[in-house]
C-alpha atoms as a PDB file:
ATOM      1  CA  UNK A   1       7.758  -6.456 -12.759  1.00  0.00           C
ATOM      2  CA  UNK A   2       7.394  -8.650 -10.070  1.00  0.00           C
ATOM      3  CA  UNK A   3       3.598  -9.615  -9.823  1.00  0.00           C
ATOM      4  CA  UNK A   4       2.538 -10.860  -6.009  1.00  0.00           C
ATOM      5  CA  UNK A   5       1.571 -14.586  -5.449  1.00  0.00           C
ATOM      6  CA  UNK A   6      -0.210 -14.137  -2.422  1.00  0.00           C
ATOM      7  CA  UNK A   7      -1.416 -11.136  -0.161  1.00  0.00           C
ATOM      8  CA  UNK A   8      -1.845 -11.735   3.813  1.00  0.00           C
ATOM      9  CA  UNK A   9      -3.563  -9.151   5.907  1.00  0.00           C
ATOM     10  CA  UNK A  10      -1.934 -10.393   9.528  1.00  0.00           C
ATOM     11  CA  UNK A  11      -4.665  -8.201  11.806  1.00  0.00           C
ATOM     12  CA  UNK A  12      -2.762  -8.938  15.166  1.00  0.00           C
ATOM     13  CA  UNK A  13       0.492  -7.746  13.701  1.00  0.00           C
ATOM     14  CA  UNK A  14      -1.234  -4.557  11.947  1.00  0.00           C
ATOM     15  CA  UNK A  15       0.142  -5.410   8.542  1.00  0.00           C
ATOM     16  CA  UNK A  16      -0.563  -7.010   5.034  1.00  0.00           C
ATOM     17  CA  UNK A  17       2.615  -9.493   4.102  1.00  0.00           C
ATOM     18  CA  UNK A  18       3.032  -9.931   0.106  1.00  0.00           C
ATOM     19  CA  UNK A  19       4.590 -12.708  -1.378  1.00  0.00           C
ATOM     20  CA  UNK A  20       6.322 -11.826  -4.636  1.00  0.00           C
ATOM     21  CA  UNK A  21       6.931 -14.034  -7.474  1.00  0.00           C
ATOM     22  CA  UNK A  22      10.674 -13.246  -7.356  1.00  0.00           C
ATOM     23  CA  UNK A  23      10.707 -14.768  -3.524  1.00  0.00           C
ATOM     24  CA  UNK A  24      11.028 -11.616  -2.465  1.00  0.00           C
ATOM     25  CA  UNK A  25       8.680 -10.906   1.140  1.00  0.00           C
ATOM     26  CA  UNK A  26       7.353  -7.818   2.296  1.00  0.00           C
ATOM     27  CA  UNK A  27       5.651  -6.656   5.391  1.00  0.00           C
ATOM     28  CA  UNK A  28       3.431  -3.755   5.206  1.00  0.00           C
ATOM     29  CA  UNK A  29       1.872  -2.091   7.977  1.00  0.00           C
ATOM     30  CA  UNK A  30      -1.303  -0.663   7.632  1.00  0.00           C
ATOM     31  CA  UNK A  31      -0.924   2.237   8.714  1.00  0.00           C
ATOM     32  CA  UNK A  32       2.239   2.852   6.127  1.00  0.00           C
ATOM     33  CA  UNK A  33      -0.284   1.153   3.484  1.00  0.00           C
ATOM     34  CA  UNK A  34      -3.231   3.478   4.090  1.00  0.00           C
ATOM     35  CA  UNK A  35      -0.660   6.887   4.482  1.00  0.00           C
ATOM     36  CA  UNK A  36       0.161   6.309   1.175  1.00  0.00           C
ATOM     37  CA  UNK A  37      -2.707   5.333  -0.908  1.00  0.00           C
ATOM     38  CA  UNK A  38      -2.341   6.875  -4.420  1.00  0.00           C
ATOM     39  CA  UNK A  39      -6.499   8.043  -5.095  1.00  0.00           C
ATOM     40  CA  UNK A  40      -6.850  11.154  -5.784  1.00  0.00           C
ATOM     41  CA  UNK A  41      -9.199  11.765  -3.006  1.00  0.00           C
ATOM     42  CA  UNK A  42      -5.867  11.211  -0.895  1.00  0.00           C
ATOM     43  CA  UNK A  43      -3.132  12.670  -3.105  1.00  0.00           C
ATOM     44  CA  UNK A  44      -4.972  15.109  -5.376  1.00  0.00           C
ATOM     45  CA  UNK A  45      -4.652  15.713  -8.738  1.00  0.00           C
ATOM     46  CA  UNK A  46      -0.964  15.898  -9.657  1.00  0.00           C
ATOM     47  CA  UNK A  47       2.218  16.733  -8.308  1.00  0.00           C
ATOM     48  CA  UNK A  48       4.150  14.991  -5.522  1.00  0.00           C
ATOM     49  CA  UNK A  49       2.594  12.205  -3.594  1.00  0.00           C
ATOM     50  CA  UNK A  50       2.565  12.785   0.382  1.00  0.00           C
ATOM     51  CA  UNK A  51       1.759  10.557   3.343  1.00  0.00           C
ATOM     52  CA  UNK A  52      -1.862  11.141   4.746  1.00  0.00           C
ATOM     53  CA  UNK A  53      -2.065  10.315   8.340  1.00  0.00           C
ATOM     54  CA  UNK A  54      -5.439   8.032   9.357  1.00  0.00           C
ATOM     55  CA  UNK A  55      -5.115   6.808  13.209  1.00  0.00           C
ATOM     56  CA  UNK A  56      -5.592   3.149  13.663  1.00  0.00           C
ATOM     57  CA  UNK A  57      -6.314   1.909   9.984  1.00  0.00           C
ATOM     58  CA  UNK A  58      -7.656  -0.945   9.495  1.00  0.00           C
ATOM     59  CA  UNK A  59      -7.640  -3.048   6.852  1.00  0.00           C
ATOM     60  CA  UNK A  60     -11.093  -5.192   6.097  1.00  0.00           C
ATOM     61  CA  UNK A  61     -10.234  -6.625   2.631  1.00  0.00           C
ATOM     62  CA  UNK A  62      -8.048  -6.620  -0.651  1.00  0.00           C
ATOM     63  CA  UNK A  63      -8.652  -7.413  -3.915  1.00  0.00           C
ATOM     64  CA  UNK A  64      -6.842  -7.855  -7.468  1.00  0.00           C
ATOM     65  CA  UNK A  65      -7.684  -4.949 -10.071  1.00  0.00           C
ATOM     66  CA  UNK A  66      -6.857  -7.089 -13.655  1.00  0.00           C
ATOM     67  CA  UNK A  67      -3.313  -8.021 -13.837  1.00  0.00           C
ATOM     68  CA  UNK A  68      -2.293  -5.261 -12.517  1.00  0.00           C
ATOM     69  CA  UNK A  69      -3.028  -4.031  -9.257  1.00  0.00           C
ATOM     70  CA  UNK A  70      -4.645  -4.668  -5.612  1.00  0.00           C
ATOM     71  CA  UNK A  71      -7.610  -2.672  -4.084  1.00  0.00           C
ATOM     72  CA  UNK A  72      -7.726  -2.257  -0.101  1.00  0.00           C
ATOM     73  CA  UNK A  73     -10.702  -1.476   1.279  1.00  0.00           C
ATOM     74  CA  UNK A  74     -10.448   0.274   4.723  1.00  0.00           C
ATOM     75  CA  UNK A  75     -12.731   0.128   7.677  1.00  0.00           C
ATOM     76  CA  UNK A  76     -13.501   3.934   7.800  1.00  0.00           C
ATOM     77  CA  UNK A  77     -14.730   3.136   4.697  1.00  0.00           C
ATOM     78  CA  UNK A  78     -12.195   4.528   2.069  1.00  0.00           C
ATOM     79  CA  UNK A  79     -11.736   2.056  -1.001  1.00  0.00           C
ATOM     80  CA  UNK A  80     -10.505   4.069  -3.963  1.00  0.00           C
ATOM     81  CA  UNK A  81      -6.685   3.383  -3.444  1.00  0.00           C
ATOM     82  CA  UNK A  82      -5.589   1.427  -6.554  1.00  0.00           C
ATOM     83  CA  UNK A  83      -1.817   0.013  -6.020  1.00  0.00           C
ATOM     84  CA  UNK A  84      -0.252  -1.144  -9.027  1.00  0.00           C
ATOM     85  CA  UNK A  85       2.348  -3.937  -8.221  1.00  0.00           C
ATOM     86  CA  UNK A  86       4.920  -1.431  -9.205  1.00  0.00           C
ATOM     87  CA  UNK A  87       3.930   1.050  -6.838  1.00  0.00           C
ATOM     88  CA  UNK A  88       3.421  -1.579  -4.338  1.00  0.00           C
ATOM     89  CA  UNK A  89       6.444  -2.928  -4.510  1.00  0.00           C
ATOM     90  CA  UNK A  90       7.940   0.330  -4.701  1.00  0.00           C
ATOM     91  CA  UNK A  91       6.561   0.649  -0.927  1.00  0.00           C
ATOM     92  CA  UNK A  92       7.881  -2.140   0.034  1.00  0.00           C
ATOM     93  CA  UNK A  93      11.268  -1.436  -0.900  1.00  0.00           C
ATOM     94  CA  UNK A  94      11.674   2.277   0.219  1.00  0.00           C
ATOM     95  CA  UNK A  95       9.907   1.898   3.566  1.00  0.00           C
ATOM     96  CA  UNK A  96      13.129   2.880   5.618  1.00  0.00           C
ATOM     97  CA  UNK A  97      10.981   1.927   8.985  1.00  0.00           C
ATOM     98  CA  UNK A  98       7.511   1.095   9.602  1.00  0.00           C
ATOM     99  CA  UNK A  99       6.443   5.340   9.877  1.00  0.00           C
ATOM    100  CA  UNK A 100       7.995   6.195   6.909  1.00  0.00           C
ATOM    101  CA  UNK A 101       6.523   9.818   5.709  1.00  0.00           C
ATOM    102  CA  UNK A 102       8.889  10.192   2.986  1.00  0.00           C
ATOM    103  CA  UNK A 103       8.046  10.404  -0.705  1.00  0.00           C
ATOM    104  CA  UNK A 104       8.847   5.932  -1.878  1.00  0.00           C
ATOM    105  CA  UNK A 105       9.047   6.791  -5.579  1.00  0.00           C
ATOM    106  CA  UNK A 106      10.752  10.630  -5.021  1.00  0.00           C
ATOM    107  CA  UNK A 107       9.416  13.527  -6.628  1.00  0.00           C
ATOM    108  CA  UNK A 108       6.437  11.617  -8.652  1.00  0.00           C
END
């Protein structure tokens, strides 16, 4: 599984740019990333993941979680989403457009 080498918030473009160790470069619009937050508060406890609409989310910070995930903090105080590298990568690979609300992992 690829791992991120560089996480670069670009506030003026409202996106997080991730450079992976396989030289893939993904841009994650803040609204897309926040909307697919994997935490139980946003997704509940089981079932298919769904997109949660959040108006104009702003990324405050993003921290590494061990050697397997990242944890963003948003301007609304939300900070419970832990995005595993595999999940973050799937979001980057499966976004058809910047506002896609289709489940990036299929039925998971």
